[in-house]
N, C-alpha and C. Protein backbone atom coordinates (compact mmCIF):
# COMPACT_ATOMS: atom_id res chain seq x y z
N MET A 1 37.86 -35.01 16.31
CA MET A 1 37.28 -35.95 15.38
C MET A 1 36.39 -36.92 16.15
N GLN A 2 35.30 -37.27 15.53
CA GLN A 2 34.39 -38.26 16.08
C GLN A 2 34.29 -39.43 15.10
N ILE A 3 34.17 -40.64 15.64
CA ILE A 3 33.87 -41.81 14.84
C ILE A 3 32.48 -42.26 15.26
N GLN A 4 31.58 -42.30 14.31
CA GLN A 4 30.19 -42.66 14.60
C GLN A 4 29.84 -43.96 13.88
N ARG A 5 29.16 -44.84 14.61
CA ARG A 5 28.64 -46.06 13.98
C ARG A 5 27.25 -45.73 13.45
N ILE A 6 27.00 -46.08 12.20
CA ILE A 6 25.76 -45.72 11.52
C ILE A 6 24.77 -46.88 11.57
N ALA A 7 23.57 -46.58 12.02
CA ALA A 7 22.48 -47.56 12.08
C ALA A 7 21.69 -47.51 10.76
N PRO A 8 20.81 -48.49 10.54
CA PRO A 8 20.05 -48.52 9.28
C PRO A 8 19.29 -47.24 8.95
N ASP A 9 18.85 -46.50 9.96
CA ASP A 9 18.12 -45.27 9.65
C ASP A 9 19.04 -44.16 9.12
N GLY A 10 20.34 -44.39 9.14
CA GLY A 10 21.30 -43.44 8.57
C GLY A 10 21.70 -43.80 7.15
N TRP A 11 20.86 -44.57 6.48
CA TRP A 11 21.20 -45.09 5.15
C TRP A 11 21.47 -43.98 4.13
N GLU A 12 20.69 -42.89 4.17
CA GLU A 12 20.90 -41.82 3.19
C GLU A 12 22.26 -41.15 3.38
N ARG A 13 22.65 -40.96 4.61
CA ARG A 13 23.96 -40.38 4.91
C ARG A 13 25.07 -41.31 4.42
N TYR A 14 24.95 -42.59 4.73
CA TYR A 14 25.96 -43.52 4.28
C TYR A 14 25.98 -43.60 2.76
N ARG A 15 24.83 -43.60 2.13
CA ARG A 15 24.77 -43.65 0.67
C ARG A 15 25.54 -42.48 0.07
N ARG A 16 25.37 -41.27 0.63
CA ARG A 16 26.08 -40.10 0.12
C ARG A 16 27.60 -40.27 0.20
N ILE A 17 28.08 -40.72 1.35
CA ILE A 17 29.53 -40.85 1.50
C ILE A 17 30.07 -42.00 0.66
N ARG A 18 29.30 -43.07 0.53
CA ARG A 18 29.74 -44.20 -0.29
C ARG A 18 29.83 -43.80 -1.77
N LEU A 19 28.86 -43.04 -2.25
CA LEU A 19 28.91 -42.59 -3.64
C LEU A 19 30.08 -41.64 -3.87
N ARG A 20 30.37 -40.79 -2.88
CA ARG A 20 31.56 -39.93 -2.98
C ARG A 20 32.83 -40.77 -3.09
N ALA A 21 32.91 -41.81 -2.27
CA ALA A 21 34.08 -42.68 -2.28
C ALA A 21 34.24 -43.36 -3.64
N LEU A 22 33.15 -43.85 -4.19
CA LEU A 22 33.21 -44.54 -5.47
C LEU A 22 33.54 -43.59 -6.62
N GLN A 23 33.12 -42.33 -6.51
CA GLN A 23 33.50 -41.34 -7.52
C GLN A 23 34.98 -41.00 -7.42
N ASP A 24 35.47 -40.86 -6.20
CA ASP A 24 36.85 -40.45 -5.97
C ASP A 24 37.84 -41.57 -6.29
N ALA A 25 37.51 -42.79 -5.92
CA ALA A 25 38.47 -43.90 -6.03
C ALA A 25 37.78 -45.15 -6.60
N PRO A 26 37.34 -45.08 -7.83
CA PRO A 26 36.56 -46.19 -8.39
C PRO A 26 37.32 -47.51 -8.45
N ASP A 27 38.63 -47.46 -8.50
CA ASP A 27 39.40 -48.69 -8.61
C ASP A 27 39.82 -49.26 -7.25
N ALA A 28 39.27 -48.71 -6.18
CA ALA A 28 39.61 -49.20 -4.84
C ALA A 28 38.54 -50.11 -4.26
N PHE A 29 37.44 -50.27 -4.97
CA PHE A 29 36.30 -51.00 -4.40
C PHE A 29 35.76 -52.03 -5.38
N GLY A 30 35.19 -53.08 -4.84
CA GLY A 30 34.58 -54.10 -5.67
C GLY A 30 33.29 -53.65 -6.32
N THR A 31 32.60 -52.74 -5.69
CA THR A 31 31.34 -52.21 -6.21
C THR A 31 31.63 -51.01 -7.12
N THR A 32 30.85 -50.88 -8.18
CA THR A 32 31.00 -49.71 -9.04
C THR A 32 30.03 -48.62 -8.61
N LEU A 33 30.30 -47.41 -9.04
CA LEU A 33 29.42 -46.28 -8.75
C LEU A 33 28.02 -46.57 -9.29
N GLN A 34 27.93 -47.08 -10.49
CA GLN A 34 26.64 -47.37 -11.10
C GLN A 34 25.86 -48.40 -10.28
N GLU A 35 26.54 -49.45 -9.82
CA GLU A 35 25.87 -50.46 -9.00
C GLU A 35 25.33 -49.86 -7.71
N ALA A 36 26.17 -49.09 -7.03
CA ALA A 36 25.77 -48.50 -5.75
C ALA A 36 24.64 -47.49 -5.93
N ALA A 37 24.74 -46.66 -6.96
CA ALA A 37 23.71 -45.63 -7.19
C ALA A 37 22.36 -46.23 -7.50
N SER A 38 22.34 -47.44 -8.03
CA SER A 38 21.06 -48.06 -8.39
C SER A 38 20.41 -48.84 -7.24
N ARG A 39 21.10 -48.97 -6.12
CA ARG A 39 20.53 -49.69 -4.97
C ARG A 39 19.36 -48.92 -4.38
N HIS A 40 18.37 -49.68 -3.93
CA HIS A 40 17.20 -49.09 -3.29
C HIS A 40 17.41 -48.96 -1.78
N GLU A 41 16.57 -48.19 -1.17
CA GLU A 41 16.67 -47.93 0.27
C GLU A 41 16.80 -49.23 1.07
N ALA A 42 16.00 -50.22 0.75
CA ALA A 42 16.02 -51.47 1.50
C ALA A 42 17.41 -52.12 1.49
N ALA A 43 18.09 -52.06 0.36
CA ALA A 43 19.43 -52.65 0.26
C ALA A 43 20.42 -51.90 1.13
N TRP A 44 20.33 -50.58 1.14
CA TRP A 44 21.23 -49.78 1.99
C TRP A 44 20.96 -50.08 3.46
N ARG A 45 19.70 -50.15 3.85
CA ARG A 45 19.34 -50.46 5.24
C ARG A 45 19.84 -51.85 5.64
N GLU A 46 19.67 -52.80 4.75
CA GLU A 46 20.09 -54.17 5.03
C GLU A 46 21.60 -54.23 5.26
N GLN A 47 22.36 -53.53 4.42
CA GLN A 47 23.81 -53.50 4.61
C GLN A 47 24.19 -52.90 5.96
N LEU A 48 23.54 -51.81 6.31
CA LEU A 48 23.86 -51.16 7.58
C LEU A 48 23.46 -52.01 8.77
N ASP A 49 22.46 -52.86 8.59
CA ASP A 49 22.06 -53.77 9.66
C ASP A 49 23.06 -54.91 9.79
N ALA A 50 23.61 -55.37 8.66
CA ALA A 50 24.49 -56.54 8.65
C ALA A 50 25.96 -56.22 8.92
N LEU A 51 26.39 -55.01 8.58
CA LEU A 51 27.81 -54.65 8.67
C LEU A 51 28.02 -53.50 9.64
N ALA A 52 29.09 -53.58 10.40
CA ALA A 52 29.46 -52.47 11.28
C ALA A 52 30.01 -51.35 10.41
N THR A 53 29.30 -50.24 10.35
CA THR A 53 29.66 -49.15 9.44
C THR A 53 29.99 -47.90 10.26
N PHE A 54 31.17 -47.38 10.02
CA PHE A 54 31.66 -46.22 10.77
C PHE A 54 31.91 -45.05 9.83
N ILE A 55 31.59 -43.87 10.31
CA ILE A 55 31.88 -42.64 9.58
C ILE A 55 32.69 -41.72 10.50
N ALA A 56 33.77 -41.19 9.96
CA ALA A 56 34.58 -40.21 10.69
C ALA A 56 34.02 -38.83 10.40
N VAL A 57 33.87 -38.04 11.46
CA VAL A 57 33.36 -36.67 11.32
C VAL A 57 34.44 -35.72 11.83
N LEU A 58 34.81 -34.79 10.96
CA LEU A 58 35.83 -33.80 11.29
C LEU A 58 35.34 -32.46 10.79
N ASP A 59 35.38 -31.46 11.64
CA ASP A 59 34.87 -30.14 11.28
C ASP A 59 33.41 -30.21 10.82
N ARG A 60 32.64 -31.06 11.47
CA ARG A 60 31.21 -31.27 11.18
C ARG A 60 30.95 -31.80 9.77
N GLN A 61 31.98 -32.39 9.17
CA GLN A 61 31.86 -32.97 7.83
C GLN A 61 32.15 -34.47 7.90
N ASP A 62 31.44 -35.23 7.09
CA ASP A 62 31.75 -36.66 6.97
C ASP A 62 33.05 -36.78 6.20
N ALA A 63 34.10 -37.23 6.89
CA ALA A 63 35.45 -37.20 6.35
C ALA A 63 35.94 -38.55 5.85
N GLY A 64 35.26 -39.62 6.20
CA GLY A 64 35.71 -40.94 5.77
C GLY A 64 34.81 -42.01 6.32
N THR A 65 35.03 -43.23 5.85
CA THR A 65 34.21 -44.35 6.27
C THR A 65 35.01 -45.65 6.21
N ALA A 66 34.59 -46.61 7.01
CA ALA A 66 35.14 -47.96 6.99
C ALA A 66 34.08 -48.89 7.57
N ARG A 67 34.16 -50.16 7.16
CA ARG A 67 33.17 -51.14 7.61
C ARG A 67 33.86 -52.40 8.11
N GLY A 68 33.18 -53.07 9.01
CA GLY A 68 33.59 -54.38 9.47
C GLY A 68 32.56 -55.40 9.06
N ALA A 69 33.02 -56.54 8.55
CA ALA A 69 32.12 -57.58 8.09
C ALA A 69 32.61 -58.94 8.58
N PRO A 70 31.71 -59.74 9.14
CA PRO A 70 32.12 -61.10 9.52
C PRO A 70 32.51 -61.91 8.28
N ASP A 71 33.47 -62.77 8.44
CA ASP A 71 33.87 -63.69 7.37
C ASP A 71 33.02 -64.94 7.53
N THR A 72 32.09 -65.16 6.63
CA THR A 72 31.17 -66.28 6.75
C THR A 72 31.86 -67.63 6.60
N SER A 73 33.09 -67.65 6.09
CA SER A 73 33.80 -68.92 5.92
C SER A 73 34.76 -69.22 7.08
N SER A 74 34.94 -68.27 7.98
CA SER A 74 35.87 -68.46 9.10
C SER A 74 35.37 -67.68 10.31
N PRO A 75 34.89 -68.39 11.35
CA PRO A 75 34.32 -67.69 12.50
C PRO A 75 35.30 -66.84 13.30
N SER A 76 36.61 -67.03 13.09
CA SER A 76 37.59 -66.23 13.83
C SER A 76 38.03 -64.98 13.07
N ASN A 77 37.56 -64.84 11.83
CA ASN A 77 38.04 -63.75 10.97
C ASN A 77 36.91 -62.77 10.63
N ALA A 78 37.28 -61.50 10.56
CA ALA A 78 36.39 -60.45 10.05
C ALA A 78 37.16 -59.69 8.99
N PHE A 79 36.43 -58.95 8.18
CA PHE A 79 37.03 -58.15 7.12
C PHE A 79 36.90 -56.66 7.42
N LEU A 80 37.92 -55.92 7.06
CA LEU A 80 37.87 -54.46 7.00
C LEU A 80 37.59 -54.13 5.54
N ILE A 81 36.45 -53.51 5.27
CA ILE A 81 36.05 -53.22 3.89
C ILE A 81 35.58 -51.77 3.77
N GLY A 82 35.49 -51.32 2.54
CA GLY A 82 34.91 -50.01 2.27
C GLY A 82 35.65 -48.84 2.87
N MET A 83 36.94 -49.00 3.11
CA MET A 83 37.74 -47.94 3.74
C MET A 83 37.99 -46.81 2.74
N TRP A 84 37.68 -45.58 3.18
CA TRP A 84 37.91 -44.42 2.33
C TRP A 84 37.98 -43.17 3.19
N VAL A 85 38.92 -42.29 2.85
CA VAL A 85 39.03 -40.98 3.50
C VAL A 85 38.94 -39.93 2.40
N ALA A 86 38.09 -38.93 2.61
CA ALA A 86 37.91 -37.86 1.63
C ALA A 86 39.23 -37.10 1.45
N PRO A 87 39.53 -36.70 0.22
CA PRO A 87 40.83 -36.05 -0.06
C PRO A 87 41.21 -34.92 0.88
N PRO A 88 40.32 -34.00 1.27
CA PRO A 88 40.78 -32.91 2.14
C PRO A 88 41.21 -33.37 3.53
N TYR A 89 40.86 -34.61 3.90
CA TYR A 89 41.13 -35.09 5.26
C TYR A 89 42.23 -36.14 5.31
N ARG A 90 42.85 -36.43 4.18
CA ARG A 90 43.92 -37.41 4.16
C ARG A 90 45.16 -36.85 4.85
N GLY A 91 45.85 -37.71 5.56
CA GLY A 91 47.05 -37.31 6.28
C GLY A 91 46.78 -36.69 7.63
N LEU A 92 45.52 -36.71 8.08
CA LEU A 92 45.16 -36.09 9.36
C LEU A 92 44.82 -37.11 10.45
N GLY A 93 45.04 -38.38 10.17
CA GLY A 93 44.75 -39.42 11.16
C GLY A 93 43.36 -40.01 11.06
N VAL A 94 42.59 -39.62 10.06
CA VAL A 94 41.23 -40.14 9.91
C VAL A 94 41.26 -41.64 9.66
N GLY A 95 42.12 -42.08 8.76
CA GLY A 95 42.22 -43.50 8.46
C GLY A 95 42.60 -44.33 9.67
N VAL A 96 43.54 -43.83 10.45
CA VAL A 96 43.96 -44.53 11.67
C VAL A 96 42.76 -44.73 12.60
N GLN A 97 42.00 -43.67 12.81
CA GLN A 97 40.87 -43.77 13.74
C GLN A 97 39.78 -44.69 13.21
N LEU A 98 39.56 -44.68 11.90
CA LEU A 98 38.57 -45.60 11.33
C LEU A 98 39.02 -47.05 11.49
N ILE A 99 40.29 -47.32 11.22
CA ILE A 99 40.81 -48.68 11.41
C ILE A 99 40.69 -49.10 12.87
N GLU A 100 41.02 -48.21 13.78
CA GLU A 100 40.91 -48.52 15.20
C GLU A 100 39.47 -48.83 15.58
N ALA A 101 38.51 -48.13 15.00
CA ALA A 101 37.09 -48.38 15.30
C ALA A 101 36.69 -49.77 14.82
N VAL A 102 37.12 -50.15 13.61
CA VAL A 102 36.79 -51.48 13.10
C VAL A 102 37.50 -52.55 13.92
N CYS A 103 38.73 -52.31 14.33
CA CYS A 103 39.44 -53.26 15.20
C CYS A 103 38.70 -53.44 16.53
N ALA A 104 38.25 -52.35 17.12
CA ALA A 104 37.52 -52.43 18.39
C ALA A 104 36.23 -53.22 18.21
N TRP A 105 35.51 -52.97 17.13
CA TRP A 105 34.30 -53.74 16.84
C TRP A 105 34.63 -55.23 16.72
N ALA A 106 35.67 -55.56 15.95
CA ALA A 106 36.04 -56.96 15.73
C ALA A 106 36.41 -57.65 17.04
N ARG A 107 37.17 -56.99 17.88
CA ARG A 107 37.53 -57.56 19.18
C ARG A 107 36.28 -57.80 20.02
N ALA A 108 35.41 -56.80 20.07
CA ALA A 108 34.18 -56.92 20.87
C ALA A 108 33.29 -58.06 20.37
N GLU A 109 33.35 -58.35 19.08
CA GLU A 109 32.55 -59.43 18.49
C GLU A 109 33.24 -60.79 18.63
N GLY A 110 34.45 -60.82 19.17
CA GLY A 110 35.16 -62.07 19.41
C GLY A 110 36.02 -62.58 18.26
N PHE A 111 36.28 -61.74 17.26
CA PHE A 111 37.14 -62.16 16.16
C PHE A 111 38.61 -62.06 16.60
N SER A 112 39.45 -62.91 16.04
CA SER A 112 40.87 -62.87 16.39
C SER A 112 41.74 -62.31 15.27
N ARG A 113 41.16 -62.13 14.07
CA ARG A 113 41.90 -61.58 12.94
C ARG A 113 41.02 -60.61 12.17
N LEU A 114 41.67 -59.63 11.59
CA LEU A 114 41.00 -58.69 10.71
C LEU A 114 41.77 -58.71 9.39
N THR A 115 41.04 -58.97 8.30
CA THR A 115 41.64 -59.15 6.99
C THR A 115 41.13 -58.07 6.05
N LEU A 116 41.97 -57.68 5.10
CA LEU A 116 41.55 -56.71 4.09
C LEU A 116 42.23 -57.03 2.77
N ASP A 117 41.64 -56.52 1.70
CA ASP A 117 42.24 -56.59 0.37
C ASP A 117 42.51 -55.16 -0.08
N VAL A 118 43.67 -54.94 -0.70
CA VAL A 118 44.04 -53.60 -1.14
C VAL A 118 44.69 -53.69 -2.51
N ALA A 119 44.35 -52.74 -3.37
CA ALA A 119 44.92 -52.69 -4.72
C ALA A 119 46.43 -52.48 -4.63
N ASP A 120 47.15 -53.23 -5.46
CA ASP A 120 48.61 -53.16 -5.43
C ASP A 120 49.17 -51.77 -5.72
N ASP A 121 48.44 -50.96 -6.47
CA ASP A 121 48.95 -49.63 -6.80
C ASP A 121 48.45 -48.53 -5.85
N ASN A 122 47.78 -48.90 -4.78
CA ASN A 122 47.28 -47.92 -3.82
C ASN A 122 48.32 -47.75 -2.70
N LYS A 123 49.40 -47.07 -3.04
CA LYS A 123 50.53 -46.94 -2.12
C LYS A 123 50.16 -46.29 -0.79
N ALA A 124 49.34 -45.26 -0.82
CA ALA A 124 48.98 -44.58 0.43
C ALA A 124 48.25 -45.53 1.37
N ALA A 125 47.31 -46.31 0.83
CA ALA A 125 46.57 -47.26 1.67
C ALA A 125 47.49 -48.37 2.17
N ILE A 126 48.34 -48.88 1.30
CA ILE A 126 49.27 -49.94 1.70
C ILE A 126 50.17 -49.45 2.82
N ASP A 127 50.69 -48.23 2.70
CA ASP A 127 51.54 -47.66 3.75
C ASP A 127 50.79 -47.52 5.07
N LEU A 128 49.54 -47.06 5.00
CA LEU A 128 48.73 -46.93 6.22
C LEU A 128 48.51 -48.30 6.86
N TYR A 129 48.10 -49.28 6.07
CA TYR A 129 47.84 -50.60 6.63
C TYR A 129 49.11 -51.21 7.22
N ALA A 130 50.24 -51.02 6.57
CA ALA A 130 51.51 -51.54 7.11
C ALA A 130 51.84 -50.87 8.45
N ARG A 131 51.67 -49.54 8.52
CA ARG A 131 51.92 -48.82 9.79
C ARG A 131 51.01 -49.32 10.91
N MET A 132 49.80 -49.72 10.54
CA MET A 132 48.83 -50.19 11.54
C MET A 132 49.03 -51.66 11.91
N GLY A 133 49.99 -52.32 11.25
CA GLY A 133 50.31 -53.70 11.61
C GLY A 133 49.69 -54.77 10.74
N PHE A 134 49.08 -54.40 9.62
CA PHE A 134 48.52 -55.39 8.69
C PHE A 134 49.65 -55.96 7.84
N ALA A 135 49.84 -57.26 7.90
CA ALA A 135 50.92 -57.93 7.18
C ALA A 135 50.37 -58.63 5.94
N GLU A 136 51.20 -58.67 4.90
CA GLU A 136 50.81 -59.39 3.68
C GLU A 136 50.68 -60.87 3.98
N THR A 137 49.68 -61.49 3.36
CA THR A 137 49.47 -62.94 3.53
C THR A 137 50.03 -63.75 2.37
N GLY A 138 50.32 -63.09 1.26
CA GLY A 138 50.74 -63.79 0.07
C GLY A 138 49.59 -64.12 -0.87
N GLU A 139 48.35 -63.93 -0.40
CA GLU A 139 47.19 -64.17 -1.25
C GLU A 139 47.00 -63.00 -2.20
N ARG A 140 46.68 -63.31 -3.45
CA ARG A 140 46.54 -62.28 -4.47
C ARG A 140 45.22 -62.48 -5.19
N GLY A 141 44.73 -61.42 -5.78
CA GLY A 141 43.49 -61.51 -6.54
C GLY A 141 43.31 -60.28 -7.40
N THR A 142 42.09 -60.12 -7.90
CA THR A 142 41.74 -58.96 -8.71
C THR A 142 40.38 -58.45 -8.26
N LEU A 143 40.06 -57.26 -8.69
CA LEU A 143 38.71 -56.76 -8.48
C LEU A 143 37.76 -57.55 -9.39
N PRO A 144 36.47 -57.54 -9.06
CA PRO A 144 35.52 -58.25 -9.92
C PRO A 144 35.35 -57.54 -11.26
N PRO A 145 34.79 -58.25 -12.25
CA PRO A 145 34.53 -57.61 -13.55
C PRO A 145 33.69 -56.35 -13.35
N PRO A 146 33.93 -55.33 -14.09
CA PRO A 146 34.76 -55.25 -15.30
C PRO A 146 36.19 -54.78 -15.02
N ARG A 147 36.65 -54.87 -13.80
CA ARG A 147 37.97 -54.33 -13.45
C ARG A 147 38.94 -55.42 -13.01
N THR A 148 38.91 -56.56 -13.68
CA THR A 148 39.80 -57.66 -13.32
C THR A 148 41.27 -57.33 -13.58
N HIS A 149 41.53 -56.25 -14.29
CA HIS A 149 42.92 -55.82 -14.53
C HIS A 149 43.55 -55.18 -13.29
N ILE A 150 42.74 -54.88 -12.29
CA ILE A 150 43.27 -54.26 -11.07
C ILE A 150 43.67 -55.36 -10.09
N LEU A 151 44.97 -55.46 -9.86
CA LEU A 151 45.52 -56.48 -8.98
C LEU A 151 45.46 -56.01 -7.54
N GLU A 152 45.19 -56.94 -6.64
CA GLU A 152 45.17 -56.62 -5.22
C GLU A 152 45.79 -57.76 -4.43
N HIS A 153 46.11 -57.44 -3.19
CA HIS A 153 46.65 -58.46 -2.31
C HIS A 153 45.97 -58.37 -0.95
N ARG A 154 46.09 -59.44 -0.20
CA ARG A 154 45.43 -59.55 1.11
C ARG A 154 46.43 -59.24 2.22
N ARG A 155 45.91 -58.59 3.25
CA ARG A 155 46.68 -58.29 4.46
C ARG A 155 45.86 -58.72 5.67
N VAL A 156 46.56 -59.05 6.75
CA VAL A 156 45.88 -59.50 7.95
C VAL A 156 46.50 -58.83 9.19
N PHE A 157 45.64 -58.59 10.16
CA PHE A 157 46.06 -58.03 11.45
C PHE A 157 45.53 -58.96 12.54
N LEU A 158 46.41 -59.42 13.40
CA LEU A 158 46.00 -60.30 14.50
C LEU A 158 45.52 -59.43 15.66
N LEU A 159 44.28 -59.65 16.04
CA LEU A 159 43.70 -58.87 17.13
C LEU A 159 44.15 -59.47 18.44
């Protein structure tokens, strides 16, 4: 397995995997499929320039993705966002390697914590994050409209 960091010129590749993720797990992300599909090239490039974006490649296929984002309200914190593993590759360690890549990025950037939000009913993701050392913070929230019925909680990992 390879973990590749995607630069802005890889926007079409990232767009494809992001749309797959939103089709597969629409209730796991703040963005909807319709919102993402309507974005123009410039928006995809801008995101890839601003966020550390990783894609896992297994058997020459894009098997999953995860992103690291600085927390603009706290200079010591970064976020793990956009985490997704394609169904045929779940249970093979893809998620672990993606999380490790985002952790390595966060450490290299000088962050001391990595935070994420996860839907309360996403047991597989919660189990993975717990195994990787992400602890519940007690903070709770929901996805943005129109999916405010989806409850989520925050987890943190001390780098």
